[in-house]
Every structure is written in C-alpha cells, then in structure tokens.
ModelCIF file with pLDDT and N, C-alpha, C, O atoms, coordinates in Angstrom:
data_MODEL
#
_entry.id   MODEL 
#
_entity.id                         1 
_entity.type                       polymer 
_entity.pdbx_number_of_molecules   1 
#
_entity_poly.entity_id                      1 
_entity_poly.type                           'polypeptide(L)' 
_entity_poly.nstd_linkage                   no 
_entity_poly.nstd_monomer                   no 
_entity_poly.pdbx_seq_one_letter_code       
;(UNK)(UNK)(UNK)(UNK)(UNK)(UNK)(UNK)(UNK)(UNK)(UNK)(UNK)(UNK)(UNK)(UNK)(UNK)(UNK)
(UNK)(UNK)(UNK)(UNK)(UNK)(UNK)(UNK)(UNK)(UNK)(UNK)(UNK)(UNK)(UNK)(UNK)(UNK)(UNK)
(UNK)(UNK)(UNK)(UNK)(UNK)(UNK)(UNK)(UNK)(UNK)(UNK)(UNK)(UNK)(UNK)(UNK)(UNK)
;
_entity_poly.pdbx_seq_one_letter_code_can   XXXXXXXXXXXXXXXXXXXXXXXXXXXXXXXXXXXXXXXXXXXXXXX 
_entity_poly.pdbx_strand_id                 A 
#
loop_
_entity_poly_seq.entity_id 
_entity_poly_seq.num 
_entity_poly_seq.mon_id 
_entity_poly_seq.hetero 
1 1  UNK n 
1 2  UNK n 
1 3  UNK n 
1 4  UNK n 
1 5  UNK n 
1 6  UNK n 
1 7  UNK n 
1 8  UNK n 
1 9  UNK n 
1 10 UNK n 
1 11 UNK n 
1 12 UNK n 
1 13 UNK n 
1 14 UNK n 
1 15 UNK n 
1 16 UNK n 
1 17 UNK n 
1 18 UNK n 
1 19 UNK n 
1 20 UNK n 
1 21 UNK n 
1 22 UNK n 
1 23 UNK n 
1 24 UNK n 
1 25 UNK n 
1 26 UNK n 
1 27 UNK n 
1 28 UNK n 
1 29 UNK n 
1 30 UNK n 
1 31 UNK n 
1 32 UNK n 
1 33 UNK n 
1 34 UNK n 
1 35 UNK n 
1 36 UNK n 
1 37 UNK n 
1 38 UNK n 
1 39 UNK n 
1 40 UNK n 
1 41 UNK n 
1 42 UNK n 
1 43 UNK n 
1 44 UNK n 
1 45 UNK n 
1 46 UNK n 
1 47 UNK n 
#
_struct_asym.id          A 
_struct_asym.entity_id   1 
#
loop_
_ma_qa_metric.id 
_ma_qa_metric.mode 
_ma_qa_metric.name 
_ma_qa_metric.software_group_id 
_ma_qa_metric.type 
1 global pLDDT . pLDDT 
2 local  pLDDT . pLDDT 
#
_ma_qa_metric_global.metric_id      1 
_ma_qa_metric_global.metric_value   92.04 
_ma_qa_metric_global.model_id       1 
_ma_qa_metric_global.ordinal_id     1 
#
loop_
_ma_qa_metric_local.label_asym_id 
_ma_qa_metric_local.label_comp_id 
_ma_qa_metric_local.label_seq_id 
_ma_qa_metric_local.metric_id 
_ma_qa_metric_local.metric_value 
_ma_qa_metric_local.model_id 
_ma_qa_metric_local.ordinal_id 
A UNK 1  2 97.00 1 1  
A UNK 2  2 98.00 1 2  
A UNK 3  2 97.00 1 3  
A UNK 4  2 95.00 1 4  
A UNK 5  2 91.00 1 5  
A UNK 6  2 86.00 1 6  
A UNK 7  2 86.00 1 7  
A UNK 8  2 84.00 1 8  
A UNK 9  2 86.00 1 9  
A UNK 10 2 86.00 1 10 
A UNK 11 2 83.00 1 11 
A UNK 12 2 83.00 1 12 
A UNK 13 2 84.00 1 13 
A UNK 14 2 86.00 1 14 
A UNK 15 2 88.00 1 15 
A UNK 16 2 87.00 1 16 
A UNK 17 2 88.00 1 17 
A UNK 18 2 88.00 1 18 
A UNK 19 2 86.00 1 19 
A UNK 20 2 89.00 1 20 
A UNK 21 2 87.00 1 21 
A UNK 22 2 86.00 1 22 
A UNK 23 2 87.00 1 23 
A UNK 24 2 89.00 1 24 
A UNK 25 2 88.00 1 25 
A UNK 26 2 91.00 1 26 
A UNK 27 2 93.00 1 27 
A UNK 28 2 93.00 1 28 
A UNK 29 2 94.00 1 29 
A UNK 30 2 95.00 1 30 
A UNK 31 2 96.00 1 31 
A UNK 32 2 97.00 1 32 
A UNK 33 2 97.00 1 33 
A UNK 34 2 97.00 1 34 
A UNK 35 2 96.00 1 35 
A UNK 36 2 98.00 1 36 
A UNK 37 2 97.00 1 37 
A UNK 38 2 97.00 1 38 
A UNK 39 2 98.00 1 39 
A UNK 40 2 98.00 1 40 
A UNK 41 2 98.00 1 41 
A UNK 42 2 98.00 1 42 
A UNK 43 2 98.00 1 43 
A UNK 44 2 98.00 1 44 
A UNK 45 2 97.00 1 45 
A UNK 46 2 97.00 1 46 
A UNK 47 2 98.00 1 47 
#
loop_
_atom_site.group_PDB 
_atom_site.id 
_atom_site.type_symbol 
_atom_site.label_atom_id 
_atom_site.label_alt_id 
_atom_site.label_comp_id 
_atom_site.label_asym_id 
_atom_site.label_entity_id 
_atom_site.label_seq_id 
_atom_site.pdbx_PDB_ins_code 
_atom_site.Cartn_x 
_atom_site.Cartn_y 
_atom_site.Cartn_z 
_atom_site.occupancy 
_atom_site.B_iso_or_equiv 
_atom_site.pdbx_formal_charge 
_atom_site.auth_seq_id 
_atom_site.auth_comp_id 
_atom_site.auth_asym_id 
_atom_site.auth_atom_id 
_atom_site.pdbx_PDB_model_num 
ATOM 1   N N  . UNK A 1 1  ? -74.760 153.336 64.912 1.00 97.00 ? 1  UNK A N  1 
ATOM 2   C CA . UNK A 1 1  ? -75.300 153.504 66.258 1.00 97.00 ? 1  UNK A CA 1 
ATOM 3   C C  . UNK A 1 1  ? -75.791 154.915 66.494 1.00 97.00 ? 1  UNK A C  1 
ATOM 4   O O  . UNK A 1 1  ? -75.081 155.891 66.249 1.00 97.00 ? 1  UNK A O  1 
ATOM 5   N N  . UNK A 1 2  ? -77.023 155.005 66.976 1.00 98.00 ? 2  UNK A N  1 
ATOM 6   C CA . UNK A 1 2  ? -77.466 156.242 67.624 1.00 98.00 ? 2  UNK A CA 1 
ATOM 7   C C  . UNK A 1 2  ? -76.688 156.339 68.932 1.00 98.00 ? 2  UNK A C  1 
ATOM 8   O O  . UNK A 1 2  ? -75.973 157.313 69.169 1.00 98.00 ? 2  UNK A O  1 
ATOM 9   N N  . UNK A 1 3  ? -76.834 155.325 69.776 1.00 97.00 ? 3  UNK A N  1 
ATOM 10  C CA . UNK A 1 3  ? -75.978 155.139 70.951 1.00 97.00 ? 3  UNK A CA 1 
ATOM 11  C C  . UNK A 1 3  ? -76.223 153.753 71.511 1.00 97.00 ? 3  UNK A C  1 
ATOM 12  O O  . UNK A 1 3  ? -77.365 153.329 71.687 1.00 97.00 ? 3  UNK A O  1 
ATOM 13  N N  . UNK A 1 4  ? -75.121 153.047 71.791 1.00 95.00 ? 4  UNK A N  1 
ATOM 14  C CA . UNK A 1 4  ? -75.215 151.699 72.349 1.00 95.00 ? 4  UNK A CA 1 
ATOM 15  C C  . UNK A 1 4  ? -75.499 151.703 73.844 1.00 95.00 ? 4  UNK A C  1 
ATOM 16  O O  . UNK A 1 4  ? -75.615 150.640 74.455 1.00 95.00 ? 4  UNK A O  1 
ATOM 17  N N  . UNK A 1 5  ? -75.614 152.902 74.449 1.00 91.00 ? 5  UNK A N  1 
ATOM 18  C CA . UNK A 1 5  ? -75.910 152.994 75.875 1.00 91.00 ? 5  UNK A CA 1 
ATOM 19  C C  . UNK A 1 5  ? -74.716 153.473 76.671 1.00 91.00 ? 5  UNK A C  1 
ATOM 20  O O  . UNK A 1 5  ? -73.786 154.068 76.126 1.00 91.00 ? 5  UNK A O  1 
ATOM 21  N N  . UNK A 1 6  ? -74.750 153.212 77.955 1.00 86.00 ? 6  UNK A N  1 
ATOM 22  C CA . UNK A 1 6  ? -73.663 153.655 78.835 1.00 86.00 ? 6  UNK A CA 1 
ATOM 23  C C  . UNK A 1 6  ? -72.353 152.985 78.456 1.00 86.00 ? 6  UNK A C  1 
ATOM 24  O O  . UNK A 1 6  ? -72.335 151.852 77.974 1.00 86.00 ? 6  UNK A O  1 
ATOM 25  N N  . UNK A 1 7  ? -71.265 153.694 78.677 1.00 86.00 ? 7  UNK A N  1 
ATOM 26  C CA . UNK A 1 7  ? -69.933 153.155 78.423 1.00 86.00 ? 7  UNK A CA 1 
ATOM 27  C C  . UNK A 1 7  ? -69.570 152.216 79.571 1.00 86.00 ? 7  UNK A C  1 
ATOM 28  O O  . UNK A 1 7  ? -69.173 152.663 80.647 1.00 86.00 ? 7  UNK A O  1 
ATOM 29  N N  . UNK A 1 8  ? -69.710 150.911 79.334 1.00 84.00 ? 8  UNK A N  1 
ATOM 30  C CA . UNK A 1 8  ? -69.519 149.936 80.406 1.00 84.00 ? 8  UNK A CA 1 
ATOM 31  C C  . UNK A 1 8  ? -68.063 149.837 80.835 1.00 84.00 ? 8  UNK A C  1 
ATOM 32  O O  . UNK A 1 8  ? -67.780 149.489 81.982 1.00 84.00 ? 8  UNK A O  1 
ATOM 33  N N  . UNK A 1 9  ? -67.138 150.137 79.932 1.00 86.00 ? 9  UNK A N  1 
ATOM 34  C CA . UNK A 1 9  ? -65.722 150.114 80.325 1.00 86.00 ? 9  UNK A CA 1 
ATOM 35  C C  . UNK A 1 9  ? -65.440 151.213 81.350 1.00 86.00 ? 9  UNK A C  1 
ATOM 36  O O  . UNK A 1 9  ? -64.741 150.990 82.338 1.00 86.00 ? 9  UNK A O  1 
ATOM 37  N N  . UNK A 1 10 ? -65.993 152.399 81.100 1.00 86.00 ? 10 UNK A N  1 
ATOM 38  C CA . UNK A 1 10 ? -65.818 153.478 82.073 1.00 86.00 ? 10 UNK A CA 1 
ATOM 39  C C  . UNK A 1 10 ? -66.544 153.146 83.367 1.00 86.00 ? 10 UNK A C  1 
ATOM 40  O O  . UNK A 1 10 ? -66.020 153.374 84.457 1.00 86.00 ? 10 UNK A O  1 
ATOM 41  N N  . UNK A 1 11 ? -67.756 152.605 83.242 1.00 83.00 ? 11 UNK A N  1 
ATOM 42  C CA . UNK A 1 11 ? -68.559 152.307 84.431 1.00 83.00 ? 11 UNK A CA 1 
ATOM 43  C C  . UNK A 1 11 ? -67.889 151.259 85.310 1.00 83.00 ? 11 UNK A C  1 
ATOM 44  O O  . UNK A 1 11 ? -68.009 151.316 86.534 1.00 83.00 ? 11 UNK A O  1 
ATOM 45  N N  . UNK A 1 12 ? -67.182 150.301 84.705 1.00 83.00 ? 12 UNK A N  1 
ATOM 46  C CA . UNK A 1 12 ? -66.551 149.226 85.473 1.00 83.00 ? 12 UNK A CA 1 
ATOM 47  C C  . UNK A 1 12 ? -65.483 149.749 86.419 1.00 83.00 ? 12 UNK A C  1 
ATOM 48  O O  . UNK A 1 12 ? -65.194 149.121 87.437 1.00 83.00 ? 12 UNK A O  1 
ATOM 49  N N  . UNK A 1 13 ? -64.895 150.898 86.092 1.00 84.00 ? 13 UNK A N  1 
ATOM 50  C CA . UNK A 1 13 ? -63.855 151.455 86.945 1.00 84.00 ? 13 UNK A CA 1 
ATOM 51  C C  . UNK A 1 13 ? -64.358 152.424 87.990 1.00 84.00 ? 13 UNK A C  1 
ATOM 52  O O  . UNK A 1 13 ? -63.561 153.017 88.716 1.00 84.00 ? 13 UNK A O  1 
ATOM 53  N N  . UNK A 1 14 ? -65.665 152.596 88.084 1.00 86.00 ? 14 UNK A N  1 
ATOM 54  C CA . UNK A 1 14 ? -66.233 153.552 89.029 1.00 86.00 ? 14 UNK A CA 1 
ATOM 55  C C  . UNK A 1 14 ? -66.540 152.896 90.366 1.00 86.00 ? 14 UNK A C  1 
ATOM 56  O O  . UNK A 1 14 ? -66.899 151.720 90.425 1.00 86.00 ? 14 UNK A O  1 
ATOM 57  N N  . UNK A 1 15 ? -66.397 153.660 91.426 1.00 88.00 ? 15 UNK A N  1 
ATOM 58  C CA . UNK A 1 15 ? -66.906 153.233 92.732 1.00 88.00 ? 15 UNK A CA 1 
ATOM 59  C C  . UNK A 1 15 ? -68.427 153.399 92.734 1.00 88.00 ? 15 UNK A C  1 
ATOM 60  O O  . UNK A 1 15 ? -68.996 154.005 91.826 1.00 88.00 ? 15 UNK A O  1 
ATOM 61  N N  . UNK A 1 16 ? -69.075 152.856 93.763 1.00 87.00 ? 16 UNK A N  1 
ATOM 62  C CA . UNK A 1 16 ? -70.534 153.027 93.851 1.00 87.00 ? 16 UNK A CA 1 
ATOM 63  C C  . UNK A 1 16 ? -70.901 154.497 93.950 1.00 87.00 ? 16 UNK A C  1 
ATOM 64  O O  . UNK A 1 16 ? -71.898 154.924 93.368 1.00 87.00 ? 16 UNK A O  1 
ATOM 65  N N  . UNK A 1 17 ? -70.123 155.270 94.670 1.00 88.00 ? 17 UNK A N  1 
ATOM 66  C CA . UNK A 1 17 ? -70.411 156.695 94.802 1.00 88.00 ? 17 UNK A CA 1 
ATOM 67  C C  . UNK A 1 17 ? -70.273 157.403 93.448 1.00 88.00 ? 17 UNK A C  1 
ATOM 68  O O  . UNK A 1 17 ? -71.097 158.247 93.095 1.00 88.00 ? 17 UNK A O  1 
ATOM 69  N N  . UNK A 1 18 ? -69.237 157.056 92.706 1.00 88.00 ? 18 UNK A N  1 
ATOM 70  C CA . UNK A 1 18 ? -69.047 157.646 91.385 1.00 88.00 ? 18 UNK A CA 1 
ATOM 71  C C  . UNK A 1 18 ? -70.172 157.237 90.434 1.00 88.00 ? 18 UNK A C  1 
ATOM 72  O O  . UNK A 1 18 ? -70.616 158.039 89.612 1.00 88.00 ? 18 UNK A O  1 
ATOM 73  N N  . UNK A 1 19 ? -70.624 156.004 90.545 1.00 86.00 ? 19 UNK A N  1 
ATOM 74  C CA . UNK A 1 19 ? -71.729 155.542 89.701 1.00 86.00 ? 19 UNK A CA 1 
ATOM 75  C C  . UNK A 1 19 ? -73.001 156.312 90.017 1.00 86.00 ? 19 UNK A C  1 
ATOM 76  O O  . UNK A 1 19 ? -73.738 156.705 89.113 1.00 86.00 ? 19 UNK A O  1 
ATOM 77  N N  . UNK A 1 20 ? -73.258 156.526 91.305 1.00 89.00 ? 20 UNK A N  1 
ATOM 78  C CA . UNK A 1 20 ? -74.448 157.306 91.677 1.00 89.00 ? 20 UNK A CA 1 
ATOM 79  C C  . UNK A 1 20 ? -74.357 158.725 91.131 1.00 89.00 ? 20 UNK A C  1 
ATOM 80  O O  . UNK A 1 20 ? -75.350 159.267 90.646 1.00 89.00 ? 20 UNK A O  1 
ATOM 81  N N  . UNK A 1 21 ? -73.180 159.327 91.205 1.00 87.00 ? 21 UNK A N  1 
ATOM 82  C CA . UNK A 1 21 ? -73.006 160.686 90.674 1.00 87.00 ? 21 UNK A CA 1 
ATOM 83  C C  . UNK A 1 21 ? -73.193 160.702 89.167 1.00 87.00 ? 21 UNK A C  1 
ATOM 84  O O  . UNK A 1 21 ? -73.799 161.623 88.620 1.00 87.00 ? 21 UNK A O  1 
ATOM 85  N N  . UNK A 1 22 ? -72.673 159.682 88.498 1.00 86.00 ? 22 UNK A N  1 
ATOM 86  C CA . UNK A 1 22 ? -72.837 159.573 87.047 1.00 86.00 ? 22 UNK A CA 1 
ATOM 87  C C  . UNK A 1 22 ? -74.316 159.482 86.688 1.00 86.00 ? 22 UNK A C  1 
ATOM 88  O O  . UNK A 1 22 ? -74.778 160.151 85.763 1.00 86.00 ? 22 UNK A O  1 
ATOM 89  N N  . UNK A 1 23 ? -75.057 158.655 87.420 1.00 87.00 ? 23 UNK A N  1 
ATOM 90  C CA . UNK A 1 23 ? -76.480 158.482 87.124 1.00 87.00 ? 23 UNK A CA 1 
ATOM 91  C C  . UNK A 1 23 ? -77.261 159.771 87.372 1.00 87.00 ? 23 UNK A C  1 
ATOM 92  O O  . UNK A 1 23 ? -78.172 160.096 86.611 1.00 87.00 ? 23 UNK A O  1 
ATOM 93  N N  . UNK A 1 24 ? -76.918 160.498 88.418 1.00 89.00 ? 24 UNK A N  1 
ATOM 94  C CA . UNK A 1 24 ? -77.562 161.792 88.653 1.00 89.00 ? 24 UNK A CA 1 
ATOM 95  C C  . UNK A 1 24 ? -77.320 162.724 87.467 1.00 89.00 ? 24 UNK A C  1 
ATOM 96  O O  . UNK A 1 24 ? -78.213 163.452 87.034 1.00 89.00 ? 24 UNK A O  1 
ATOM 97  N N  . UNK A 1 25 ? -76.099 162.684 86.958 1.00 88.00 ? 25 UNK A N  1 
ATOM 98  C CA . UNK A 1 25 ? -75.775 163.538 85.826 1.00 88.00 ? 25 UNK A CA 1 
ATOM 99  C C  . UNK A 1 25 ? -76.519 163.149 84.566 1.00 88.00 ? 25 UNK A C  1 
ATOM 100 O O  . UNK A 1 25 ? -77.044 164.015 83.865 1.00 88.00 ? 25 UNK A O  1 
ATOM 101 N N  . UNK A 1 26 ? -76.574 161.847 84.265 1.00 91.00 ? 26 UNK A N  1 
ATOM 102 C CA . UNK A 1 26 ? -77.224 161.420 83.038 1.00 91.00 ? 26 UNK A CA 1 
ATOM 103 C C  . UNK A 1 26 ? -78.729 161.648 83.111 1.00 91.00 ? 26 UNK A C  1 
ATOM 104 O O  . UNK A 1 26 ? -79.356 161.995 82.110 1.00 91.00 ? 26 UNK A O  1 
ATOM 105 N N  . UNK A 1 27 ? -79.316 161.453 84.307 1.00 93.00 ? 27 UNK A N  1 
ATOM 106 C CA . UNK A 1 27 ? -80.742 161.764 84.459 1.00 93.00 ? 27 UNK A CA 1 
ATOM 107 C C  . UNK A 1 27 ? -81.000 163.238 84.203 1.00 93.00 ? 27 UNK A C  1 
ATOM 108 O O  . UNK A 1 27 ? -81.982 163.601 83.555 1.00 93.00 ? 27 UNK A O  1 
ATOM 109 N N  . UNK A 1 28 ? -80.113 164.087 84.717 1.00 93.00 ? 28 UNK A N  1 
ATOM 110 C CA . UNK A 1 28 ? -80.272 165.521 84.517 1.00 93.00 ? 28 UNK A CA 1 
ATOM 111 C C  . UNK A 1 28 ? -80.216 165.902 83.051 1.00 93.00 ? 28 UNK A C  1 
ATOM 112 O O  . UNK A 1 28 ? -80.961 166.776 82.608 1.00 93.00 ? 28 UNK A O  1 
ATOM 113 N N  . UNK A 1 29 ? -79.334 165.253 82.288 1.00 94.00 ? 29 UNK A N  1 
ATOM 114 C CA . UNK A 1 29 ? -79.231 165.554 80.861 1.00 94.00 ? 29 UNK A CA 1 
ATOM 115 C C  . UNK A 1 29 ? -80.481 165.093 80.127 1.00 94.00 ? 29 UNK A C  1 
ATOM 116 O O  . UNK A 1 29 ? -80.999 165.818 79.277 1.00 94.00 ? 29 UNK A O  1 
ATOM 117 N N  . UNK A 1 30 ? -80.975 163.895 80.441 1.00 95.00 ? 30 UNK A N  1 
ATOM 118 C CA . UNK A 1 30 ? -82.207 163.418 79.802 1.00 95.00 ? 30 UNK A CA 1 
ATOM 119 C C  . UNK A 1 30 ? -83.365 164.363 80.107 1.00 95.00 ? 30 UNK A C  1 
ATOM 120 O O  . UNK A 1 30 ? -84.166 164.674 79.226 1.00 95.00 ? 30 UNK A O  1 
ATOM 121 N N  . UNK A 1 31 ? -83.451 164.815 81.350 1.00 96.00 ? 31 UNK A N  1 
ATOM 122 C CA . UNK A 1 31 ? -84.510 165.752 81.721 1.00 96.00 ? 31 UNK A CA 1 
ATOM 123 C C  . UNK A 1 31 ? -84.368 167.063 80.948 1.00 96.00 ? 31 UNK A C  1 
ATOM 124 O O  . UNK A 1 31 ? -85.362 167.659 80.533 1.00 96.00 ? 31 UNK A O  1 
ATOM 125 N N  . UNK A 1 32 ? -83.129 167.502 80.761 1.00 97.00 ? 32 UNK A N  1 
ATOM 126 C CA . UNK A 1 32 ? -82.899 168.745 80.018 1.00 97.00 ? 32 UNK A CA 1 
ATOM 127 C C  . UNK A 1 32 ? -83.341 168.596 78.568 1.00 97.00 ? 32 UNK A C  1 
ATOM 128 O O  . UNK A 1 32 ? -83.943 169.509 78.004 1.00 97.00 ? 32 UNK A O  1 
ATOM 129 N N  . UNK A 1 33 ? -83.042 167.443 77.962 1.00 97.00 ? 33 UNK A N  1 
ATOM 130 C CA . UNK A 1 33 ? -83.494 167.188 76.587 1.00 97.00 ? 33 UNK A CA 1 
ATOM 131 C C  . UNK A 1 33 ? -85.011 167.225 76.527 1.00 97.00 ? 33 UNK A C  1 
ATOM 132 O O  . UNK A 1 33 ? -85.589 167.809 75.610 1.00 97.00 ? 33 UNK A O  1 
ATOM 133 N N  . UNK A 1 34 ? -85.655 166.601 77.503 1.00 97.00 ? 34 UNK A N  1 
ATOM 134 C CA . UNK A 1 34 ? -87.121 166.581 77.529 1.00 97.00 ? 34 UNK A CA 1 
ATOM 135 C C  . UNK A 1 34 ? -87.696 167.987 77.670 1.00 97.00 ? 34 UNK A C  1 
ATOM 136 O O  . UNK A 1 34 ? -88.792 168.255 77.177 1.00 97.00 ? 34 UNK A O  1 
ATOM 137 N N  . UNK A 1 35 ? -86.975 168.886 78.336 1.00 96.00 ? 35 UNK A N  1 
ATOM 138 C CA . UNK A 1 35 ? -87.482 170.231 78.601 1.00 96.00 ? 35 UNK A CA 1 
ATOM 139 C C  . UNK A 1 35 ? -87.046 171.256 77.559 1.00 96.00 ? 35 UNK A C  1 
ATOM 140 O O  . UNK A 1 35 ? -87.349 172.440 77.711 1.00 96.00 ? 35 UNK A O  1 
ATOM 141 N N  . UNK A 1 36 ? -86.350 170.844 76.513 1.00 98.00 ? 36 UNK A N  1 
ATOM 142 C CA . UNK A 1 36 ? -86.022 171.786 75.440 1.00 98.00 ? 36 UNK A CA 1 
ATOM 143 C C  . UNK A 1 36 ? -87.333 172.410 74.949 1.00 98.00 ? 36 UNK A C  1 
ATOM 144 O O  . UNK A 1 36 ? -88.267 171.678 74.623 1.00 98.00 ? 36 UNK A O  1 
ATOM 145 N N  . UNK A 1 37 ? -87.424 173.735 74.889 1.00 97.00 ? 37 UNK A N  1 
ATOM 146 C CA . UNK A 1 37 ? -88.713 174.356 74.550 1.00 97.00 ? 37 UNK A CA 1 
ATOM 147 C C  . UNK A 1 37 ? -89.241 173.994 73.166 1.00 97.00 ? 37 UNK A C  1 
ATOM 148 O O  . UNK A 1 37 ? -90.447 173.817 72.991 1.00 97.00 ? 37 UNK A O  1 
ATOM 149 N N  . UNK A 1 38 ? -88.354 173.883 72.186 1.00 97.00 ? 38 UNK A N  1 
ATOM 150 C CA . UNK A 1 38 ? -88.800 173.576 70.824 1.00 97.00 ? 38 UNK A CA 1 
ATOM 151 C C  . UNK A 1 38 ? -88.931 172.062 70.638 1.00 97.00 ? 38 UNK A C  1 
ATOM 152 O O  . UNK A 1 38 ? -88.409 171.298 71.452 1.00 97.00 ? 38 UNK A O  1 
ATOM 153 N N  . UNK A 1 39 ? -89.614 171.618 69.587 1.00 98.00 ? 39 UNK A N  1 
ATOM 154 C CA . UNK A 1 39 ? -89.733 170.184 69.320 1.00 98.00 ? 39 UNK A CA 1 
ATOM 155 C C  . UNK A 1 39 ? -88.380 169.524 69.084 1.00 98.00 ? 39 UNK A C  1 
ATOM 156 O O  . UNK A 1 39 ? -87.463 170.137 68.537 1.00 98.00 ? 39 UNK A O  1 
ATOM 157 N N  . UNK A 1 40 ? -88.267 168.262 69.503 1.00 98.00 ? 40 UNK A N  1 
ATOM 158 C CA . UNK A 1 40 ? -87.022 167.510 69.388 1.00 98.00 ? 40 UNK A CA 1 
ATOM 159 C C  . UNK A 1 40 ? -87.278 166.181 68.688 1.00 98.00 ? 40 UNK A C  1 
ATOM 160 O O  . UNK A 1 40 ? -88.316 165.550 68.890 1.00 98.00 ? 40 UNK A O  1 
ATOM 161 N N  . UNK A 1 41 ? -86.318 165.762 67.863 1.00 98.00 ? 41 UNK A N  1 
ATOM 162 C CA . UNK A 1 41 ? -86.424 164.513 67.127 1.00 98.00 ? 41 UNK A CA 1 
ATOM 163 C C  . UNK A 1 41 ? -85.150 163.695 67.312 1.00 98.00 ? 41 UNK A C  1 
ATOM 164 O O  . UNK A 1 41 ? -84.049 164.247 67.328 1.00 98.00 ? 41 UNK A O  1 
ATOM 165 N N  . UNK A 1 42 ? -85.302 162.381 67.450 1.00 98.00 ? 42 UNK A N  1 
ATOM 166 C CA . UNK A 1 42 ? -84.165 161.471 67.507 1.00 98.00 ? 42 UNK A CA 1 
ATOM 167 C C  . UNK A 1 42 ? -84.087 160.730 66.179 1.00 98.00 ? 42 UNK A C  1 
ATOM 168 O O  . UNK A 1 42 ? -85.030 160.047 65.780 1.00 98.00 ? 42 UNK A O  1 
ATOM 169 N N  . UNK A 1 43 ? -82.948 160.873 65.498 1.00 98.00 ? 43 UNK A N  1 
ATOM 170 C CA . UNK A 1 43 ? -82.711 160.205 64.217 1.00 98.00 ? 43 UNK A CA 1 
ATOM 171 C C  . UNK A 1 43 ? -81.890 158.950 64.492 1.00 98.00 ? 43 UNK A C  1 
ATOM 172 O O  . UNK A 1 43 ? -80.692 159.033 64.764 1.00 98.00 ? 43 UNK A O  1 
ATOM 173 N N  . UNK A 1 44 ? -82.539 157.784 64.420 1.00 98.00 ? 44 UNK A N  1 
ATOM 174 C CA . UNK A 1 44 ? -81.915 156.553 64.896 1.00 98.00 ? 44 UNK A CA 1 
ATOM 175 C C  . UNK A 1 44 ? -81.577 155.616 63.749 1.00 98.00 ? 44 UNK A C  1 
ATOM 176 O O  . UNK A 1 44 ? -82.462 155.018 63.136 1.00 98.00 ? 44 UNK A O  1 
ATOM 177 N N  . UNK A 1 45 ? -80.289 155.496 63.469 1.00 97.00 ? 45 UNK A N  1 
ATOM 178 C CA . UNK A 1 45 ? -79.749 154.458 62.597 1.00 97.00 ? 45 UNK A CA 1 
ATOM 179 C C  . UNK A 1 45 ? -78.972 153.493 63.487 1.00 97.00 ? 45 UNK A C  1 
ATOM 180 O O  . UNK A 1 45 ? -78.438 153.892 64.522 1.00 97.00 ? 45 UNK A O  1 
ATOM 181 N N  . UNK A 1 46 ? -78.911 152.242 63.091 1.00 97.00 ? 46 UNK A N  1 
ATOM 182 C CA . UNK A 1 46 ? -78.142 151.286 63.886 1.00 97.00 ? 46 UNK A CA 1 
ATOM 183 C C  . UNK A 1 46 ? -78.826 150.993 65.206 1.00 97.00 ? 46 UNK A C  1 
ATOM 184 O O  . UNK A 1 46 ? -80.038 150.783 65.253 1.00 97.00 ? 46 UNK A O  1 
ATOM 185 N N  . UNK A 1 47 ? -78.044 150.980 66.290 1.00 98.00 ? 47 UNK A N  1 
ATOM 186 C CA . UNK A 1 47 ? -78.579 150.535 67.574 1.00 98.00 ? 47 UNK A CA 1 
ATOM 187 C C  . UNK A 1 47 ? -78.887 151.716 68.491 1.00 98.00 ? 47 UNK A C  1 
ATOM 188 O O  . UNK A 1 47 ? -79.346 151.521 69.616 1.00 98.00 ? 47 UNK A O  1 
#
C-alpha cells in the first residue's frame, strides 16, 4: 500500500466537529505537499 486512504476505524469514533477538524487538517497537508518548492513524486506500490 501507498495508502489505503483515511483510517475509517479512527473516523468512526469522531464527532461531526472532530471530523470537520480532521478534514481541515488533511486538506492543509495535501495543499502543503502541492506547494513544496521542488518537484515531488509519488511512488505507488499496492493500493
């Protein structure tokens, strides 16, 4: 696996407010990866 996606076990225990905060955080990280100044590559084996 590169990554199977969000951890659904953790997500199942979150309130709606916690889920919204989690999504804000994950969006911020994806945006940060996109804004890395140098070129970026994803090496994907598995899923």
